[in-house]
């Protein structure tokens, strides 16, 4: 697992702080989307299309990349564009090789793309998280 203390690694995505988290289940580095009540939730469609919105850490509040947002906290997001690089999350059990196309796993994390599903990003390093026990960080370039 790569050791980093920031989600944004390369580029200048548009950053906004407009909407709150629905529940305490968003961690910086997660792919997020808005629900029908205009609250952020982890992106929930495995392999489905998405805006390239990733939750960022709140350094201005002395929070690091491993601190989850609480329910109703305003979520700081980066609206990422092609070529920008971030430290995203992959789930336990994933083994990602460098230059692997990645898709949403349906829970805010990224996994290796299957079939013709939507590519969100491409891995910039190899991370083997097959033994877990939890999520791991992976440097990715946005597609």
C-alpha atoms as a PDB file:
ATOM      1  CA  UNK A   1       0.000   0.000   0.000  1.00  0.00           C
ATOM      2  CA  UNK A   2       1.337   3.398  -0.943  1.00  0.00           C
ATOM      3  CA  UNK A   3       1.859   5.885   1.839  1.00  0.00           C
ATOM      4  CA  UNK A   4       0.385   9.288   1.006  1.00  0.00           C
ATOM      5  CA  UNK A   5      -1.223  12.036   2.997  1.00  0.00           C
ATOM      6  CA  UNK A   6      -3.352  13.641   0.291  1.00  0.00           C
ATOM      7  CA  UNK A   7      -5.968  12.457  -2.186  1.00  0.00           C
ATOM      8  CA  UNK A   8      -5.084  14.868  -4.984  1.00  0.00           C
ATOM      9  CA  UNK A   9      -1.717  13.836  -6.429  1.00  0.00           C
ATOM     10  CA  UNK A  10      -1.584  15.619  -9.803  1.00  0.00           C
ATOM     11  CA  UNK A  11      -3.727  18.255 -11.487  1.00  0.00           C
ATOM     12  CA  UNK A  12      -6.199  20.889 -10.418  1.00  0.00           C
ATOM     13  CA  UNK A  13      -9.748  19.501 -10.339  1.00  0.00           C
ATOM     14  CA  UNK A  14     -12.625  21.833  -9.641  1.00  0.00           C
ATOM     15  CA  UNK A  15     -13.216  21.596  -5.885  1.00  0.00           C
ATOM     16  CA  UNK A  16     -16.620  22.229  -4.367  1.00  0.00           C
ATOM     17  CA  UNK A  17     -18.258  22.025  -0.967  1.00  0.00           C
ATOM     18  CA  UNK A  18     -21.953  22.271  -1.734  1.00  0.00           C
ATOM     19  CA  UNK A  19     -23.652  19.100  -0.553  1.00  0.00           C
ATOM     20  CA  UNK A  20     -23.697  17.029   2.617  1.00  0.00           C
ATOM     21  CA  UNK A  21     -23.066  13.327   3.151  1.00  0.00           C
ATOM     22  CA  UNK A  22     -26.196  11.209   3.528  1.00  0.00           C
ATOM     23  CA  UNK A  23     -24.539   8.899   6.060  1.00  0.00           C
ATOM     24  CA  UNK A  24     -21.165   8.283   7.703  1.00  0.00           C
ATOM     25  CA  UNK A  25     -19.905   6.050   4.897  1.00  0.00           C
ATOM     26  CA  UNK A  26     -17.805   8.372   2.719  1.00  0.00           C
ATOM     27  CA  UNK A  27     -14.025   8.259   3.037  1.00  0.00           C
ATOM     28  CA  UNK A  28     -11.684  10.579   1.114  1.00  0.00           C
ATOM     29  CA  UNK A  29     -10.659   8.858  -2.107  1.00  0.00           C
ATOM     30  CA  UNK A  30     -14.119   7.396  -2.738  1.00  0.00           C
ATOM     31  CA  UNK A  31     -16.003   7.892  -5.988  1.00  0.00           C
ATOM     32  CA  UNK A  32     -19.251   9.643  -5.018  1.00  0.00           C
ATOM     33  CA  UNK A  33     -22.555  10.681  -6.534  1.00  0.00           C
ATOM     34  CA  UNK A  34     -25.609  12.690  -5.501  1.00  0.00           C
ATOM     35  CA  UNK A  35     -28.747  10.845  -4.424  1.00  0.00           C
ATOM     36  CA  UNK A  36     -32.296  12.014  -5.136  1.00  0.00           C
ATOM     37  CA  UNK A  37     -32.204  14.249  -2.034  1.00  0.00           C
ATOM     38  CA  UNK A  38     -29.005  16.068  -3.158  1.00  0.00           C
ATOM     39  CA  UNK A  39     -26.804  14.288  -0.618  1.00  0.00           C
ATOM     40  CA  UNK A  40     -23.525  12.576  -1.413  1.00  0.00           C
ATOM     41  CA  UNK A  41     -23.351   8.792  -1.288  1.00  0.00           C
ATOM     42  CA  UNK A  42     -20.703   6.333  -2.508  1.00  0.00           C
ATOM     43  CA  UNK A  43     -21.138   5.694  -6.252  1.00  0.00           C
ATOM     44  CA  UNK A  44     -23.554   2.774  -6.299  1.00  0.00           C
ATOM     45  CA  UNK A  45     -23.619   1.257  -9.780  1.00  0.00           C
ATOM     46  CA  UNK A  46     -20.941  -1.360 -10.358  1.00  0.00           C
ATOM     47  CA  UNK A  47     -19.301  -0.647 -13.724  1.00  0.00           C
ATOM     48  CA  UNK A  48     -21.791   2.130 -14.414  1.00  0.00           C
ATOM     49  CA  UNK A  49     -21.229   5.639 -15.725  1.00  0.00           C
ATOM     50  CA  UNK A  50     -20.296   8.361 -13.277  1.00  0.00           C
ATOM     51  CA  UNK A  51     -19.107  11.899 -12.934  1.00  0.00           C
ATOM     52  CA  UNK A  52     -15.475  11.766 -11.859  1.00  0.00           C
ATOM     53  CA  UNK A  53     -16.287  13.125  -8.383  1.00  0.00           C
ATOM     54  CA  UNK A  54     -13.955  11.970  -5.637  1.00  0.00           C
ATOM     55  CA  UNK A  55     -14.219  12.870  -1.948  1.00  0.00           C
ATOM     56  CA  UNK A  56     -11.216  14.878  -0.746  1.00  0.00           C
ATOM     57  CA  UNK A  57      -9.769  15.251   2.736  1.00  0.00           C
ATOM     58  CA  UNK A  58     -10.596  18.343   4.837  1.00  0.00           C
ATOM     59  CA  UNK A  59      -7.095  19.605   5.671  1.00  0.00           C
ATOM     60  CA  UNK A  60      -8.549  22.975   6.672  1.00  0.00           C
ATOM     61  CA  UNK A  61     -10.273  21.105   9.528  1.00  0.00           C
ATOM     62  CA  UNK A  62      -7.165  19.066  10.443  1.00  0.00           C
ATOM     63  CA  UNK A  63      -8.708  15.890   9.020  1.00  0.00           C
ATOM     64  CA  UNK A  64      -6.569  13.379   7.171  1.00  0.00           C
ATOM     65  CA  UNK A  65      -7.326  11.037   4.284  1.00  0.00           C
ATOM     66  CA  UNK A  66      -8.578   8.239   6.536  1.00  0.00           C
ATOM     67  CA  UNK A  67     -11.232  10.257   8.378  1.00  0.00           C
ATOM     68  CA  UNK A  68     -14.761   9.476   7.211  1.00  0.00           C
ATOM     69  CA  UNK A  69     -17.299  12.206   6.747  1.00  0.00           C
ATOM     70  CA  UNK A  70     -20.089  12.078   9.328  1.00  0.00           C
ATOM     71  CA  UNK A  71     -23.739  12.119   8.276  1.00  0.00           C
ATOM     72  CA  UNK A  72     -24.706  15.643   7.186  1.00  0.00           C
ATOM     73  CA  UNK A  73     -21.088  16.867   6.992  1.00  0.00           C
ATOM     74  CA  UNK A  74     -20.455  18.992   3.918  1.00  0.00           C
ATOM     75  CA  UNK A  75     -18.351  16.843   1.561  1.00  0.00           C
ATOM     76  CA  UNK A  76     -15.369  18.411  -0.184  1.00  0.00           C
ATOM     77  CA  UNK A  77     -15.123  16.890  -3.644  1.00  0.00           C
ATOM     78  CA  UNK A  78     -12.798  17.143  -6.595  1.00  0.00           C
ATOM     79  CA  UNK A  79     -14.468  17.057  -9.993  1.00  0.00           C
ATOM     80  CA  UNK A  80     -11.596  15.338 -11.774  1.00  0.00           C
ATOM     81  CA  UNK A  81     -10.662  15.484 -15.433  1.00  0.00           C
ATOM     82  CA  UNK A  82      -8.681  13.201 -17.721  1.00  0.00           C
ATOM     83  CA  UNK A  83      -5.029  12.906 -16.718  1.00  0.00           C
ATOM     84  CA  UNK A  84      -5.437  14.123 -13.151  1.00  0.00           C
ATOM     85  CA  UNK A  85      -4.185  11.677 -10.541  1.00  0.00           C
ATOM     86  CA  UNK A  86      -5.644  10.824  -7.161  1.00  0.00           C
ATOM     87  CA  UNK A  87      -5.238   8.300  -4.381  1.00  0.00           C
ATOM     88  CA  UNK A  88      -8.402   6.204  -4.756  1.00  0.00           C
ATOM     89  CA  UNK A  89      -9.670   3.285  -2.696  1.00  0.00           C
ATOM     90  CA  UNK A  90      -9.748  -0.363  -3.732  1.00  0.00           C
ATOM     91  CA  UNK A  91     -11.520  -3.017  -1.659  1.00  0.00           C
ATOM     92  CA  UNK A  92     -10.053  -5.949   0.209  1.00  0.00           C
ATOM     93  CA  UNK A  93      -9.544  -8.854  -2.164  1.00  0.00           C
ATOM     94  CA  UNK A  94      -8.408  -6.699  -5.098  1.00  0.00           C
ATOM     95  CA  UNK A  95      -5.110  -7.258  -6.884  1.00  0.00           C
ATOM     96  CA  UNK A  96      -4.520  -4.401  -9.340  1.00  0.00           C
ATOM     97  CA  UNK A  97      -1.591  -4.340 -11.772  1.00  0.00           C
ATOM     98  CA  UNK A  98      -0.125  -1.119 -13.160  1.00  0.00           C
ATOM     99  CA  UNK A  99      -2.046   0.316 -16.160  1.00  0.00           C
ATOM    100  CA  UNK A 100      -5.238  -1.639 -15.381  1.00  0.00           C
ATOM    101  CA  UNK A 101      -8.479   0.041 -16.503  1.00  0.00           C
ATOM    102  CA  UNK A 102     -10.714   0.558 -13.470  1.00  0.00           C
ATOM    103  CA  UNK A 103     -14.452   0.801 -12.903  1.00  0.00           C
ATOM    104  CA  UNK A 104     -16.698   1.587  -9.953  1.00  0.00           C
ATOM    105  CA  UNK A 105     -17.254  -1.413  -7.693  1.00  0.00           C
ATOM    106  CA  UNK A 106     -20.704  -0.103  -6.734  1.00  0.00           C
ATOM    107  CA  UNK A 107     -19.592   0.937  -3.232  1.00  0.00           C
ATOM    108  CA  UNK A 108     -17.459   4.027  -3.938  1.00  0.00           C
ATOM    109  CA  UNK A 109     -14.250   2.097  -4.567  1.00  0.00           C
ATOM    110  CA  UNK A 110     -12.522   1.074  -7.792  1.00  0.00           C
ATOM    111  CA  UNK A 111     -11.915  -2.406  -9.188  1.00  0.00           C
ATOM    112  CA  UNK A 112     -10.536  -3.897 -12.392  1.00  0.00           C
ATOM    113  CA  UNK A 113     -12.860  -3.255 -15.320  1.00  0.00           C
ATOM    114  CA  UNK A 114     -14.898  -6.167 -16.628  1.00  0.00           C
ATOM    115  CA  UNK A 115     -16.555  -6.444 -20.034  1.00  0.00           C
ATOM    116  CA  UNK A 116     -17.450  -3.152 -21.654  1.00  0.00           C
ATOM    117  CA  UNK A 117     -18.193  -1.333 -18.387  1.00  0.00           C
ATOM    118  CA  UNK A 118     -17.334   2.353 -17.990  1.00  0.00           C
ATOM    119  CA  UNK A 119     -13.660   3.086 -17.339  1.00  0.00           C
ATOM    120  CA  UNK A 120     -13.297   5.678 -14.566  1.00  0.00           C
ATOM    121  CA  UNK A 121      -9.521   5.605 -14.171  1.00  0.00           C
ATOM    122  CA  UNK A 122      -6.357   3.626 -14.899  1.00  0.00           C
ATOM    123  CA  UNK A 123      -3.943   2.372 -12.235  1.00  0.00           C
ATOM    124  CA  UNK A 124      -0.539   4.073 -12.059  1.00  0.00           C
ATOM    125  CA  UNK A 125       0.972   1.426  -9.783  1.00  0.00           C
ATOM    126  CA  UNK A 126       0.536  -2.201  -8.712  1.00  0.00           C
ATOM    127  CA  UNK A 127      -1.237  -2.887  -5.413  1.00  0.00           C
ATOM    128  CA  UNK A 128      -2.051  -6.373  -4.142  1.00  0.00           C
ATOM    129  CA  UNK A 129      -4.786  -6.157  -1.510  1.00  0.00           C
ATOM    130  CA  UNK A 130      -5.954  -9.779  -1.770  1.00  0.00           C
ATOM    131  CA  UNK A 131      -5.183 -10.396   1.895  1.00  0.00           C
ATOM    132  CA  UNK A 132      -6.914  -7.184   3.041  1.00  0.00           C
ATOM    133  CA  UNK A 133      -7.877  -6.837   5.771  1.00  0.00           C
ATOM    134  CA  UNK A 134      -9.473  -3.545   4.666  1.00  0.00           C
ATOM    135  CA  UNK A 135      -9.410  -1.107   1.800  1.00  0.00           C
ATOM    136  CA  UNK A 136      -6.124  -0.006   0.233  1.00  0.00           C
ATOM    137  CA  UNK A 137      -5.024   3.146  -1.551  1.00  0.00           C
ATOM    138  CA  UNK A 138      -4.120   3.092  -5.248  1.00  0.00           C
ATOM    139  CA  UNK A 139      -2.650   5.884  -7.367  1.00  0.00           C
ATOM    140  CA  UNK A 140      -4.912   6.289 -10.416  1.00  0.00           C
ATOM    141  CA  UNK A 141      -5.106   8.553 -13.464  1.00  0.00           C
ATOM    142  CA  UNK A 142      -8.581   9.702 -14.386  1.00  0.00           C
ATOM    143  CA  UNK A 143      -9.790   8.590 -17.834  1.00  0.00           C
END
